[in-house]
Amino acid sequence: MRRFIIRRLGTSLLVLAVSSVVIFLLVASAPGDPAQLVAERQSFGADRETVERVRKELGLDRPLPVQYIDWIGDIAVGDLGTSLKTQTDIGSDLAERVPVTARLLIGAAVFALVAGCGLAVLGTFWPGGFVDRMSRPLALLSVSIPSFYLAALLVLLFAVGLRWLPSQGDSGLRSSLLPWFTLGLAPAAVMARVVRVALAESMSRPYVTTALSKGRKRREIVIRDAVPNIAVPTMTAFAAQVGLMVTGAIVVESIFSWQGASAYFLEAVRFRDFPVMQVWLLLFAAAFIVLNTFVDIASRAIDPRLRRAMAEGMS
């Protein structure tokens, strides 16, 4: 297990290094000249000399490998750079905005996990029953509705029509309900189907028939035996959905006027604030890599079958 953890951490660092190179090159090759944008911001109608001076100040006149080394070296020591739009420290801006996005993601993730797994477990209690039959079309409908359209429907119903919830801003629990539901509905539908299929496969095994023949109740078998057996695929599916929710938060924060890190990235794209775009994409890649590394290690820690397969592969 220790060898696997070391090897997995090494692979994650390698993937992060490759991701940093790809992110830097993609943003550097994007249309637009950062020096031109900054020069025009400093003085309307900037001439060529001003643009070249700004380019030299930003270090954009140096070769790309040198720019990458300087960029990744600064990040390694905690210097995330300066925003071209606001001329403020990117690290300070993210420190203010990340908690907002984290609250949005945590709320949506909890909703997706509880609602999705709850529907799957209830459907397994009564296979073919009302909940089980209705969860399938509801899951398909939930996945098919775009988040921006769902948000518009929710605002129209609960904010404009019923006036139960606010439609914009981040002022407390009531203002968080619509964004949580908008961001978490599609992942909840995916989790409901993944967990339901996994539970159905687990409940078809011989140990379930044996347990039923001994008089144990179906609900008890589902909770005590089937649910622990599907922990690994559930964690894997949930980690993938969390990664998708990070990108979905860009749309949700924009619709509901949340000033989070995702809205910060959208503002950077509109202004072509390349330093912010590079840092945000790198942090997203790092978070996704860390999440998947944790899931891989946790899967082998809780599933003895994976540990045996790993041991046999190393022998």
C-alpha atoms as a PDB file:
ATOM      1  CA  MET A   1       0.000   0.000   0.000  1.00  0.00           C
ATOM      2  CA  ARG A   2       2.837   2.375   0.818  1.00  0.00           C
ATOM      3  CA  ARG A   3       4.471   1.724  -2.548  1.00  0.00           C
ATOM      4  CA  PHE A   4       1.185   2.400  -4.299  1.00  0.00           C
ATOM      5  CA  ILE A   5       0.710   5.713  -2.466  1.00  0.00           C
ATOM      6  CA  ILE A   6       4.223   6.861  -3.362  1.00  0.00           C
ATOM      7  CA  ARG A   7       3.783   5.832  -6.978  1.00  0.00           C
ATOM      8  CA  ARG A   8       0.349   7.462  -7.168  1.00  0.00           C
ATOM      9  CA  LEU A   9       1.654  10.731  -5.696  1.00  0.00           C
ATOM     10  CA  GLY A  10       4.526  10.714  -8.183  1.00  0.00           C
ATOM     11  CA  THR A  11       2.115  10.208 -11.060  1.00  0.00           C
ATOM     12  CA  SER A  12      -0.058  13.060  -9.798  1.00  0.00           C
ATOM     13  CA  LEU A  13       2.920  15.421  -9.657  1.00  0.00           C
ATOM     14  CA  LEU A  14       3.889  14.452 -13.196  1.00  0.00           C
ATOM     15  CA  VAL A  15       0.344  15.034 -14.462  1.00  0.00           C
ATOM     16  CA  LEU A  16       0.245  18.406 -12.691  1.00  0.00           C
ATOM     17  CA  ALA A  17       3.560  19.416 -14.281  1.00  0.00           C
ATOM     18  CA  VAL A  18       2.332  18.475 -17.757  1.00  0.00           C
ATOM     19  CA  SER A  19      -0.955  20.280 -17.091  1.00  0.00           C
ATOM     20  CA  SER A  20       0.895  23.451 -16.114  1.00  0.00           C
ATOM     21  CA  VAL A  21       2.807  23.421 -19.407  1.00  0.00           C
ATOM     22  CA  VAL A  22      -0.370  22.852 -21.441  1.00  0.00           C
ATOM     23  CA  ILE A  23      -2.264  25.575 -19.573  1.00  0.00           C
ATOM     24  CA  PHE A  24       0.549  28.075 -20.009  1.00  0.00           C
ATOM     25  CA  LEU A  25       0.881  27.393 -23.738  1.00  0.00           C
ATOM     26  CA  LEU A  26      -2.879  27.466 -24.363  1.00  0.00           C
ATOM     27  CA  VAL A  27      -3.351  30.795 -22.614  1.00  0.00           C
ATOM     28  CA  ALA A  28      -0.199  32.257 -24.163  1.00  0.00           C
ATOM     29  CA  SER A  29      -1.435  31.319 -27.655  1.00  0.00           C
ATOM     30  CA  ALA A  30      -4.929  32.755 -27.093  1.00  0.00           C
ATOM     31  CA  PRO A  31      -5.953  35.695 -29.341  1.00  0.00           C
ATOM     32  CA  GLY A  32      -5.186  39.144 -27.977  1.00  0.00           C
ATOM     33  CA  ASP A  33      -2.115  41.025 -26.808  1.00  0.00           C
ATOM     34  CA  PRO A  34      -1.909  41.578 -23.033  1.00  0.00           C
ATOM     35  CA  ALA A  35       0.586  44.384 -23.529  1.00  0.00           C
ATOM     36  CA  GLN A  36      -1.810  46.178 -25.872  1.00  0.00           C
ATOM     37  CA  LEU A  37      -4.671  45.823 -23.378  1.00  0.00           C
ATOM     38  CA  VAL A  38      -2.627  47.151 -20.466  1.00  0.00           C
ATOM     39  CA  ALA A  39      -1.211  50.007 -22.550  1.00  0.00           C
ATOM     40  CA  GLU A  40      -4.676  51.059 -23.679  1.00  0.00           C
ATOM     41  CA  ARG A  41      -5.882  50.924 -20.095  1.00  0.00           C
ATOM     42  CA  GLN A  42      -3.040  53.189 -18.989  1.00  0.00           C
ATOM     43  CA  SER A  43      -3.459  55.697 -21.828  1.00  0.00           C
ATOM     44  CA  PHE A  44      -6.210  55.787 -24.418  1.00  0.00           C
ATOM     45  CA  GLY A  45      -4.921  55.150 -27.926  1.00  0.00           C
ATOM     46  CA  ALA A  46      -1.489  53.889 -26.858  1.00  0.00           C
ATOM     47  CA  ASP A  47       1.227  54.083 -29.511  1.00  0.00           C
ATOM     48  CA  ARG A  48       3.684  51.332 -30.480  1.00  0.00           C
ATOM     49  CA  GLU A  49       6.404  52.580 -28.126  1.00  0.00           C
ATOM     50  CA  THR A  50       4.066  52.445 -25.136  1.00  0.00           C
ATOM     51  CA  VAL A  51       2.958  48.927 -26.053  1.00  0.00           C
ATOM     52  CA  GLU A  52       6.567  47.737 -26.370  1.00  0.00           C
ATOM     53  CA  ARG A  53       7.444  49.328 -23.050  1.00  0.00           C
ATOM     54  CA  VAL A  54       4.548  47.566 -21.325  1.00  0.00           C
ATOM     55  CA  ARG A  55       5.480  44.286 -23.012  1.00  0.00           C
ATOM     56  CA  LYS A  56       8.987  44.564 -21.614  1.00  0.00           C
ATOM     57  CA  GLU A  57       7.684  45.427 -18.153  1.00  0.00           C
ATOM     58  CA  LEU A  58       5.440  42.357 -18.198  1.00  0.00           C
ATOM     59  CA  GLY A  59       8.252  40.149 -19.423  1.00  0.00           C
ATOM     60  CA  LEU A  60       6.369  39.205 -22.581  1.00  0.00           C
ATOM     61  CA  ASP A  61       9.356  40.005 -24.797  1.00  0.00           C
ATOM     62  CA  ARG A  62      11.249  36.968 -23.500  1.00  0.00           C
ATOM     63  CA  PRO A  63      11.067  33.446 -24.998  1.00  0.00           C
ATOM     64  CA  LEU A  64       8.133  31.287 -23.900  1.00  0.00           C
ATOM     65  CA  PRO A  65      10.283  28.741 -21.995  1.00  0.00           C
ATOM     66  CA  VAL A  66      11.776  31.559 -19.926  1.00  0.00           C
ATOM     67  CA  GLN A  67       8.324  33.009 -19.274  1.00  0.00           C
ATOM     68  CA  TYR A  68       7.050  29.590 -18.166  1.00  0.00           C
ATOM     69  CA  ILE A  69       9.959  29.008 -15.798  1.00  0.00           C
ATOM     70  CA  ASP A  70       9.487  32.449 -14.229  1.00  0.00           C
ATOM     71  CA  TRP A  71       5.722  31.889 -13.925  1.00  0.00           C
ATOM     72  CA  ILE A  72       5.874  28.442 -12.357  1.00  0.00           C
ATOM     73  CA  GLY A  73       8.769  29.522 -10.125  1.00  0.00           C
ATOM     74  CA  ASP A  74       6.744  32.428  -8.743  1.00  0.00           C
ATOM     75  CA  ILE A  75       3.744  30.157  -8.129  1.00  0.00           C
ATOM     76  CA  ALA A  76       5.968  27.662  -6.310  1.00  0.00           C
ATOM     77  CA  VAL A  77       6.882  30.357  -3.758  1.00  0.00           C
ATOM     78  CA  GLY A  78       3.292  31.585  -3.405  1.00  0.00           C
ATOM     79  CA  ASP A  79       3.392  34.545  -5.800  1.00  0.00           C
ATOM     80  CA  LEU A  80       0.382  34.127  -8.110  1.00  0.00           C
ATOM     81  CA  GLY A  81       1.037  37.311 -10.017  1.00  0.00           C
ATOM     82  CA  THR A  82      -0.914  40.506 -10.649  1.00  0.00           C
ATOM     83  CA  SER A  83      -4.207  40.925 -12.475  1.00  0.00           C
ATOM     84  CA  LEU A  84      -3.956  42.928 -15.689  1.00  0.00           C
ATOM     85  CA  LYS A  85      -7.466  44.291 -15.189  1.00  0.00           C
ATOM     86  CA  THR A  86      -7.428  45.383 -11.539  1.00  0.00           C
ATOM     87  CA  GLN A  87      -3.654  45.618 -10.961  1.00  0.00           C
ATOM     88  CA  THR A  88      -4.193  43.768  -7.664  1.00  0.00           C
ATOM     89  CA  ASP A  89      -2.593  40.622  -6.320  1.00  0.00           C
ATOM     90  CA  ILE A  90      -4.303  37.516  -7.728  1.00  0.00           C
ATOM     91  CA  GLY A  91      -3.722  35.597  -4.504  1.00  0.00           C
ATOM     92  CA  SER A  92      -5.590  38.229  -2.478  1.00  0.00           C
ATOM     93  CA  ASP A  93      -8.479  38.257  -4.957  1.00  0.00           C
ATOM     94  CA  LEU A  94      -8.773  34.472  -4.854  1.00  0.00           C
ATOM     95  CA  ALA A  95      -8.589  34.444  -1.051  1.00  0.00           C
ATOM     96  CA  GLU A  96     -11.756  36.565  -1.012  1.00  0.00           C
ATOM     97  CA  ARG A  97     -13.581  34.668  -3.738  1.00  0.00           C
ATOM     98  CA  VAL A  98     -12.666  31.008  -3.162  1.00  0.00           C
ATOM     99  CA  PRO A  99     -14.761  30.692   0.059  1.00  0.00           C
ATOM    100  CA  VAL A 100     -17.832  31.836  -1.903  1.00  0.00           C
ATOM    101  CA  THR A 101     -17.300  29.193  -4.572  1.00  0.00           C
ATOM    102  CA  ALA A 102     -16.450  26.585  -1.932  1.00  0.00           C
ATOM    103  CA  ARG A 103     -19.762  27.234  -0.174  1.00  0.00           C
ATOM    104  CA  LEU A 104     -21.597  26.877  -3.475  1.00  0.00           C
ATOM    105  CA  LEU A 105     -19.813  23.627  -4.353  1.00  0.00           C
ATOM    106  CA  ILE A 106     -20.203  22.087  -0.896  1.00  0.00           C
ATOM    107  CA  GLY A 107     -23.915  22.827  -0.765  1.00  0.00           C
ATOM    108  CA  ALA A 108     -24.511  21.503  -4.287  1.00  0.00           C
ATOM    109  CA  ALA A 109     -22.353  18.427  -3.636  1.00  0.00           C
ATOM    110  CA  VAL A 110     -24.198  17.576  -0.417  1.00  0.00           C
ATOM    111  CA  PHE A 111     -27.528  17.948  -2.199  1.00  0.00           C
ATOM    112  CA  ALA A 112     -26.364  15.769  -5.109  1.00  0.00           C
ATOM    113  CA  LEU A 113     -25.033  13.053  -2.806  1.00  0.00           C
ATOM    114  CA  VAL A 114     -28.012  12.952  -0.456  1.00  0.00           C
ATOM    115  CA  ALA A 115     -30.701  13.249  -3.142  1.00  0.00           C
ATOM    116  CA  GLY A 116     -29.041  10.916  -5.636  1.00  0.00           C
ATOM    117  CA  CYS A 117     -28.077   8.179  -3.194  1.00  0.00           C
ATOM    118  CA  GLY A 118     -31.361   8.564  -1.319  1.00  0.00           C
ATOM    119  CA  LEU A 119     -33.446   7.940  -4.453  1.00  0.00           C
ATOM    120  CA  ALA A 120     -31.269   4.970  -5.396  1.00  0.00           C
ATOM    121  CA  VAL A 121     -31.574   3.362  -1.966  1.00  0.00           C
ATOM    122  CA  LEU A 122     -35.339   3.911  -1.835  1.00  0.00           C
ATOM    123  CA  GLY A 123     -35.660   2.387  -5.292  1.00  0.00           C
ATOM    124  CA  THR A 124     -33.672  -0.636  -4.128  1.00  0.00           C
ATOM    125  CA  PHE A 125     -35.944  -1.052  -1.101  1.00  0.00           C
ATOM    126  CA  TRP A 126     -38.952  -1.415  -3.414  1.00  0.00           C
ATOM    127  CA  PRO A 127     -37.656  -2.439  -6.874  1.00  0.00           C
ATOM    128  CA  GLY A 128     -40.178  -1.645  -9.550  1.00  0.00           C
ATOM    129  CA  GLY A 129     -42.163   0.555  -7.167  1.00  0.00           C
ATOM    130  CA  PHE A 130     -43.298   4.130  -7.634  1.00  0.00           C
ATOM    131  CA  VAL A 131     -40.019   5.750  -6.522  1.00  0.00           C
ATOM    132  CA  ASP A 132     -37.944   3.365  -8.621  1.00  0.00           C
ATOM    133  CA  ARG A 133     -40.043   3.904 -11.755  1.00  0.00           C
ATOM    134  CA  MET A 134     -40.240   7.675 -11.394  1.00  0.00           C
ATOM    135  CA  SER A 135     -36.528   8.140 -10.647  1.00  0.00           C
ATOM    136  CA  ARG A 136     -35.534   7.033 -14.157  1.00  0.00           C
ATOM    137  CA  PRO A 137     -37.417   9.644 -16.220  1.00  0.00           C
ATOM    138  CA  LEU A 138     -36.679  12.293 -13.592  1.00  0.00           C
ATOM    139  CA  ALA A 139     -32.954  11.525 -13.823  1.00  0.00           C
ATOM    140  CA  LEU A 140     -33.052  11.714 -17.627  1.00  0.00           C
ATOM    141  CA  LEU A 141     -34.945  15.006 -17.518  1.00  0.00           C
ATOM    142  CA  SER A 142     -32.585  16.488 -14.915  1.00  0.00           C
ATOM    143  CA  VAL A 143     -29.494  15.649 -16.947  1.00  0.00           C
ATOM    144  CA  SER A 144     -31.054  17.001 -20.153  1.00  0.00           C
ATOM    145  CA  ILE A 145     -31.952  20.474 -18.829  1.00  0.00           C
ATOM    146  CA  PRO A 146     -29.109  23.028 -19.262  1.00  0.00           C
ATOM    147  CA  SER A 147     -28.173  24.742 -16.013  1.00  0.00           C
ATOM    148  CA  PHE A 148     -28.872  28.256 -17.334  1.00  0.00           C
ATOM    149  CA  TYR A 149     -32.370  27.223 -18.440  1.00  0.00           C
ATOM    150  CA  LEU A 150     -33.056  25.470 -15.140  1.00  0.00           C
ATOM    151  CA  ALA A 151     -31.903  28.563 -13.260  1.00  0.00           C
ATOM    152  CA  ALA A 152     -34.271  30.740 -15.291  1.00  0.00           C
ATOM    153  CA  LEU A 153     -37.195  28.419 -14.525  1.00  0.00           C
ATOM    154  CA  LEU A 154     -36.389  28.371 -10.813  1.00  0.00           C
ATOM    155  CA  VAL A 155     -36.078  32.151 -10.638  1.00  0.00           C
ATOM    156  CA  LEU A 156     -39.336  32.570 -12.533  1.00  0.00           C
ATOM    157  CA  LEU A 157     -41.181  30.190 -10.181  1.00  0.00           C
ATOM    158  CA  PHE A 158     -39.709  30.760  -6.729  1.00  0.00           C
ATOM    159  CA  ALA A 159     -38.432  34.353  -6.986  1.00  0.00           C
ATOM    160  CA  VAL A 160     -40.786  36.106  -9.392  1.00  0.00           C
ATOM    161  CA  GLY A 161     -43.961  34.044  -9.054  1.00  0.00           C
ATOM    162  CA  LEU A 162     -44.088  32.794  -5.457  1.00  0.00           C
ATOM    163  CA  ARG A 163     -41.547  35.302  -4.060  1.00  0.00           C
ATOM    164  CA  TRP A 164     -40.245  32.727  -1.621  1.00  0.00           C
ATOM    165  CA  LEU A 165     -36.536  33.046  -2.416  1.00  0.00           C
ATOM    166  CA  PRO A 166     -34.228  35.823  -3.644  1.00  0.00           C
ATOM    167  CA  SER A 167     -33.003  35.577  -7.213  1.00  0.00           C
ATOM    168  CA  GLN A 168     -29.611  37.261  -6.846  1.00  0.00           C
ATOM    169  CA  GLY A 169     -26.857  37.854  -4.342  1.00  0.00           C
ATOM    170  CA  ASP A 170     -25.244  35.829  -1.583  1.00  0.00           C
ATOM    171  CA  SER A 171     -26.899  36.960   1.631  1.00  0.00           C
ATOM    172  CA  GLY A 172     -27.508  33.743   3.543  1.00  0.00           C
ATOM    173  CA  LEU A 173     -29.176  30.348   3.440  1.00  0.00           C
ATOM    174  CA  ARG A 174     -32.285  31.447   1.520  1.00  0.00           C
ATOM    175  CA  SER A 175     -30.217  32.982  -1.253  1.00  0.00           C
ATOM    176  CA  SER A 176     -28.165  29.760  -1.510  1.00  0.00           C
ATOM    177  CA  LEU A 177     -31.021  27.331  -2.098  1.00  0.00           C
ATOM    178  CA  LEU A 178     -31.627  28.102  -5.774  1.00  0.00           C
ATOM    179  CA  PRO A 179     -27.895  28.042  -6.738  1.00  0.00           C
ATOM    180  CA  TRP A 180     -27.376  24.783  -4.815  1.00  0.00           C
ATOM    181  CA  PHE A 181     -30.326  23.133  -6.524  1.00  0.00           C
ATOM    182  CA  THR A 182     -29.347  24.448  -9.970  1.00  0.00           C
ATOM    183  CA  LEU A 183     -25.774  23.222  -9.696  1.00  0.00           C
ATOM    184  CA  GLY A 184     -26.549  19.952  -7.914  1.00  0.00           C
ATOM    185  CA  LEU A 185     -29.568  18.641  -9.826  1.00  0.00           C
ATOM    186  CA  ALA A 186     -27.740  17.062 -12.784  1.00  0.00           C
ATOM    187  CA  PRO A 187     -25.042  15.453 -10.573  1.00  0.00           C
ATOM    188  CA  ALA A 188     -27.815  14.142  -8.297  1.00  0.00           C
ATOM    189  CA  ALA A 189     -29.457  12.491 -11.302  1.00  0.00           C
ATOM    190  CA  VAL A 190     -26.191  10.886 -12.364  1.00  0.00           C
ATOM    191  CA  MET A 191     -25.511   9.650  -8.833  1.00  0.00           C
ATOM    192  CA  ALA A 192     -29.044   8.222  -8.601  1.00  0.00           C
ATOM    193  CA  ARG A 193     -28.549   6.097 -11.710  1.00  0.00           C
ATOM    194  CA  VAL A 194     -24.977   5.037 -10.909  1.00  0.00           C
ATOM    195  CA  VAL A 195     -25.827   3.996  -7.348  1.00  0.00           C
ATOM    196  CA  ARG A 196     -29.081   2.317  -8.395  1.00  0.00           C
ATOM    197  CA  VAL A 197     -27.338   0.177 -11.032  1.00  0.00           C
ATOM    198  CA  ALA A 198     -24.541  -0.702  -8.611  1.00  0.00           C
ATOM    199  CA  LEU A 199     -27.048  -1.669  -5.908  1.00  0.00           C
ATOM    200  CA  ALA A 200     -29.031  -3.789  -8.356  1.00  0.00           C
ATOM    201  CA  GLU A 201     -25.870  -5.661  -9.307  1.00  0.00           C
ATOM    202  CA  SER A 202     -24.904  -6.105  -5.665  1.00  0.00           C
ATOM    203  CA  MET A 203     -28.385  -7.351  -4.713  1.00  0.00           C
ATOM    204  CA  SER A 204     -28.243 -10.014  -7.440  1.00  0.00           C
ATOM    205  CA  ARG A 205     -25.322 -11.831  -5.822  1.00  0.00           C
ATOM    206  CA  PRO A 206     -25.702 -15.182  -4.055  1.00  0.00           C
ATOM    207  CA  TYR A 207     -25.137 -13.779  -0.576  1.00  0.00           C
ATOM    208  CA  VAL A 208     -28.382 -11.815  -0.875  1.00  0.00           C
ATOM    209  CA  THR A 209     -30.354 -14.962  -1.734  1.00  0.00           C
ATOM    210  CA  THR A 210     -28.788 -16.702   1.243  1.00  0.00           C
ATOM    211  CA  ALA A 211     -29.593 -13.806   3.556  1.00  0.00           C
ATOM    212  CA  LEU A 212     -33.211 -13.652   2.349  1.00  0.00           C
ATOM    213  CA  SER A 213     -33.612 -17.393   2.854  1.00  0.00           C
ATOM    214  CA  LYS A 214     -32.511 -16.930   6.468  1.00  0.00           C
ATOM    215  CA  GLY A 215     -35.301 -14.432   7.059  1.00  0.00           C
ATOM    216  CA  ARG A 216     -33.368 -11.166   6.899  1.00  0.00           C
ATOM    217  CA  LYS A 217     -35.313  -8.165   5.619  1.00  0.00           C
ATOM    218  CA  ARG A 218     -34.452  -6.618   2.282  1.00  0.00           C
ATOM    219  CA  ARG A 219     -33.914  -3.167   3.785  1.00  0.00           C
ATOM    220  CA  GLU A 220     -31.424  -4.551   6.276  1.00  0.00           C
ATOM    221  CA  ILE A 221     -29.481  -6.313   3.522  1.00  0.00           C
ATOM    222  CA  VAL A 222     -29.377  -3.142   1.411  1.00  0.00           C
ATOM    223  CA  ILE A 223     -28.089  -0.944   4.243  1.00  0.00           C
ATOM    224  CA  ARG A 224     -25.702  -3.358   5.953  1.00  0.00           C
ATOM    225  CA  ASP A 225     -24.368  -5.364   3.005  1.00  0.00           C
ATOM    226  CA  ALA A 226     -25.095  -3.834  -0.409  1.00  0.00           C
ATOM    227  CA  VAL A 227     -24.329  -0.175   0.333  1.00  0.00           C
ATOM    228  CA  PRO A 228     -20.813  -0.835   1.753  1.00  0.00           C
ATOM    229  CA  ASN A 229     -20.020  -3.008  -1.268  1.00  0.00           C
ATOM    230  CA  ILE A 230     -20.625  -0.131  -3.709  1.00  0.00           C
ATOM    231  CA  ALA A 231     -18.569   2.461  -1.835  1.00  0.00           C
ATOM    232  CA  VAL A 232     -15.777   2.478  -4.442  1.00  0.00           C
ATOM    233  CA  PRO A 233     -17.885   3.113  -7.593  1.00  0.00           C
ATOM    234  CA  THR A 234     -19.923   5.657  -5.641  1.00  0.00           C
ATOM    235  CA  MET A 235     -16.813   7.593  -4.623  1.00  0.00           C
ATOM    236  CA  THR A 236     -15.434   7.479  -8.156  1.00  0.00           C
ATOM    237  CA  ALA A 237     -18.666   8.753  -9.697  1.00  0.00           C
ATOM    238  CA  PHE A 238     -19.043  11.441  -7.052  1.00  0.00           C
ATOM    239  CA  ALA A 239     -15.496  12.722  -7.609  1.00  0.00           C
ATOM    240  CA  ALA A 240     -16.187  13.052 -11.333  1.00  0.00           C
ATOM    241  CA  GLN A 241     -19.380  14.986 -10.651  1.00  0.00           C
ATOM    242  CA  VAL A 242     -17.606  17.369  -8.281  1.00  0.00           C
ATOM    243  CA  GLY A 243     -15.110  18.142 -11.030  1.00  0.00           C
ATOM    244  CA  LEU A 244     -17.946  18.930 -13.425  1.00  0.00           C
ATOM    245  CA  MET A 245     -19.632  21.121 -10.808  1.00  0.00           C
ATOM    246  CA  VAL A 246     -16.541  23.345 -10.657  1.00  0.00           C
ATOM    247  CA  THR A 247     -16.998  24.235 -14.323  1.00  0.00           C
ATOM    248  CA  GLY A 248     -20.768  24.504 -13.873  1.00  0.00           C
ATOM    249  CA  ALA A 249     -20.217  27.009 -11.080  1.00  0.00           C
ATOM    250  CA  ILE A 250     -19.032  29.500 -13.712  1.00  0.00           C
ATOM    251  CA  VAL A 251     -22.541  29.654 -15.167  1.00  0.00           C
ATOM    252  CA  VAL A 252     -24.372  29.482 -11.830  1.00  0.00           C
ATOM    253  CA  GLU A 253     -22.353  32.250 -10.185  1.00  0.00           C
ATOM    254  CA  SER A 254     -22.900  34.484 -13.208  1.00  0.00           C
ATOM    255  CA  ILE A 255     -26.675  33.911 -13.207  1.00  0.00           C
ATOM    256  CA  PHE A 256     -27.186  34.433  -9.472  1.00  0.00           C
ATOM    257  CA  SER A 257     -24.586  37.246  -9.125  1.00  0.00           C
ATOM    258  CA  TRP A 258     -22.268  35.393  -6.770  1.00  0.00           C
ATOM    259  CA  GLN A 259     -18.818  36.990  -6.601  1.00  0.00           C
ATOM    260  CA  GLY A 260     -16.868  33.758  -6.379  1.00  0.00           C
ATOM    261  CA  ALA A 261     -13.735  32.369  -7.986  1.00  0.00           C
ATOM    262  CA  SER A 262     -15.667  31.063 -10.992  1.00  0.00           C
ATOM    263  CA  ALA A 263     -17.130  34.509 -11.708  1.00  0.00           C
ATOM    264  CA  TYR A 264     -13.584  35.864 -11.304  1.00  0.00           C
ATOM    265  CA  PHE A 265     -12.436  33.507 -14.059  1.00  0.00           C
ATOM    266  CA  LEU A 266     -15.303  34.583 -16.320  1.00  0.00           C
ATOM    267  CA  GLU A 267     -14.354  38.232 -15.830  1.00  0.00           C
ATOM    268  CA  ALA A 268     -10.761  37.353 -16.709  1.00  0.00           C
ATOM    269  CA  VAL A 269     -11.869  35.669 -19.935  1.00  0.00           C
ATOM    270  CA  ARG A 270     -13.941  38.698 -20.948  1.00  0.00           C
ATOM    271  CA  PHE A 271     -11.051  41.094 -20.312  1.00  0.00           C
ATOM    272  CA  ARG A 272      -8.397  38.630 -21.539  1.00  0.00           C
ATOM    273  CA  ASP A 273      -6.700  38.820 -18.168  1.00  0.00           C
ATOM    274  CA  PHE A 274      -4.198  36.091 -19.001  1.00  0.00           C
ATOM    275  CA  PRO A 275      -2.408  35.841 -15.610  1.00  0.00           C
ATOM    276  CA  VAL A 276      -5.732  35.231 -13.835  1.00  0.00           C
ATOM    277  CA  MET A 277      -6.791  32.673 -16.436  1.00  0.00           C
ATOM    278  CA  GLN A 278      -3.522  30.758 -16.085  1.00  0.00           C
ATOM    279  CA  VAL A 279      -3.625  30.677 -12.293  1.00  0.00           C
ATOM    280  CA  TRP A 280      -7.312  29.710 -12.160  1.00  0.00           C
ATOM    281  CA  LEU A 281      -6.900  26.865 -14.654  1.00  0.00           C
ATOM    282  CA  LEU A 282      -3.819  25.591 -12.829  1.00  0.00           C
ATOM    283  CA  LEU A 283      -5.631  25.630  -9.481  1.00  0.00           C
ATOM    284  CA  PHE A 284      -8.591  23.820 -11.041  1.00  0.00           C
ATOM    285  CA  ALA A 285      -6.289  21.167 -12.494  1.00  0.00           C
ATOM    286  CA  ALA A 286      -4.507  20.797  -9.152  1.00  0.00           C
ATOM    287  CA  ALA A 287      -7.791  20.435  -7.257  1.00  0.00           C
ATOM    288  CA  PHE A 288      -9.073  17.839  -9.729  1.00  0.00           C
ATOM    289  CA  ILE A 289      -5.817  15.861  -9.551  1.00  0.00           C
ATOM    290  CA  VAL A 290      -5.791  15.947  -5.737  1.00  0.00           C
ATOM    291  CA  LEU A 291      -9.413  14.814  -5.600  1.00  0.00           C
ATOM    292  CA  ASN A 292      -8.827  11.864  -7.911  1.00  0.00           C
ATOM    293  CA  THR A 293      -5.619  10.909  -6.110  1.00  0.00           C
ATOM    294  CA  PHE A 294      -7.485  10.856  -2.802  1.00  0.00           C
ATOM    295  CA  VAL A 295     -10.256   8.709  -4.313  1.00  0.00           C
ATOM    296  CA  ASP A 296      -7.761   6.203  -5.739  1.00  0.00           C
ATOM    297  CA  ILE A 297      -5.938   5.860  -2.422  1.00  0.00           C
ATOM    298  CA  ALA A 298      -9.163   5.680  -0.416  1.00  0.00           C
ATOM    299  CA  SER A 299     -10.586   3.045  -2.780  1.00  0.00           C
ATOM    300  CA  ARG A 300      -7.701   0.714  -2.143  1.00  0.00           C
ATOM    301  CA  ALA A 301      -7.765   1.431   1.564  1.00  0.00           C
ATOM    302  CA  ILE A 302     -11.404   0.381   1.973  1.00  0.00           C
ATOM    303  CA  ASP A 303     -11.675  -2.390  -0.645  1.00  0.00           C
ATOM    304  CA  PRO A 304      -9.592  -5.522   0.117  1.00  0.00           C
ATOM    305  CA  ARG A 305     -10.187  -6.847  -3.411  1.00  0.00           C
ATOM    306  CA  LEU A 306      -8.306  -3.911  -4.898  1.00  0.00           C
ATOM    307  CA  ARG A 307      -5.484  -4.398  -2.408  1.00  0.00           C
ATOM    308  CA  ARG A 308      -5.182  -8.071  -3.333  1.00  0.00           C
ATOM    309  CA  ALA A 309      -5.196  -7.252  -7.033  1.00  0.00           C
ATOM    310  CA  MET A 310      -2.525  -4.627  -6.439  1.00  0.00           C
ATOM    311  CA  ALA A 311      -0.393  -7.065  -4.446  1.00  0.00           C
ATOM    312  CA  GLU A 312      -0.714  -9.735  -7.139  1.00  0.00           C
ATOM    313  CA  GLY A 313       0.259  -7.229  -9.814  1.00  0.00           C
ATOM    314  CA  MET A 314       3.415  -6.262  -7.932  1.00  0.00           C
ATOM    315  CA  SER A 315       4.427  -9.853  -7.175  1.00  0.00           C
END
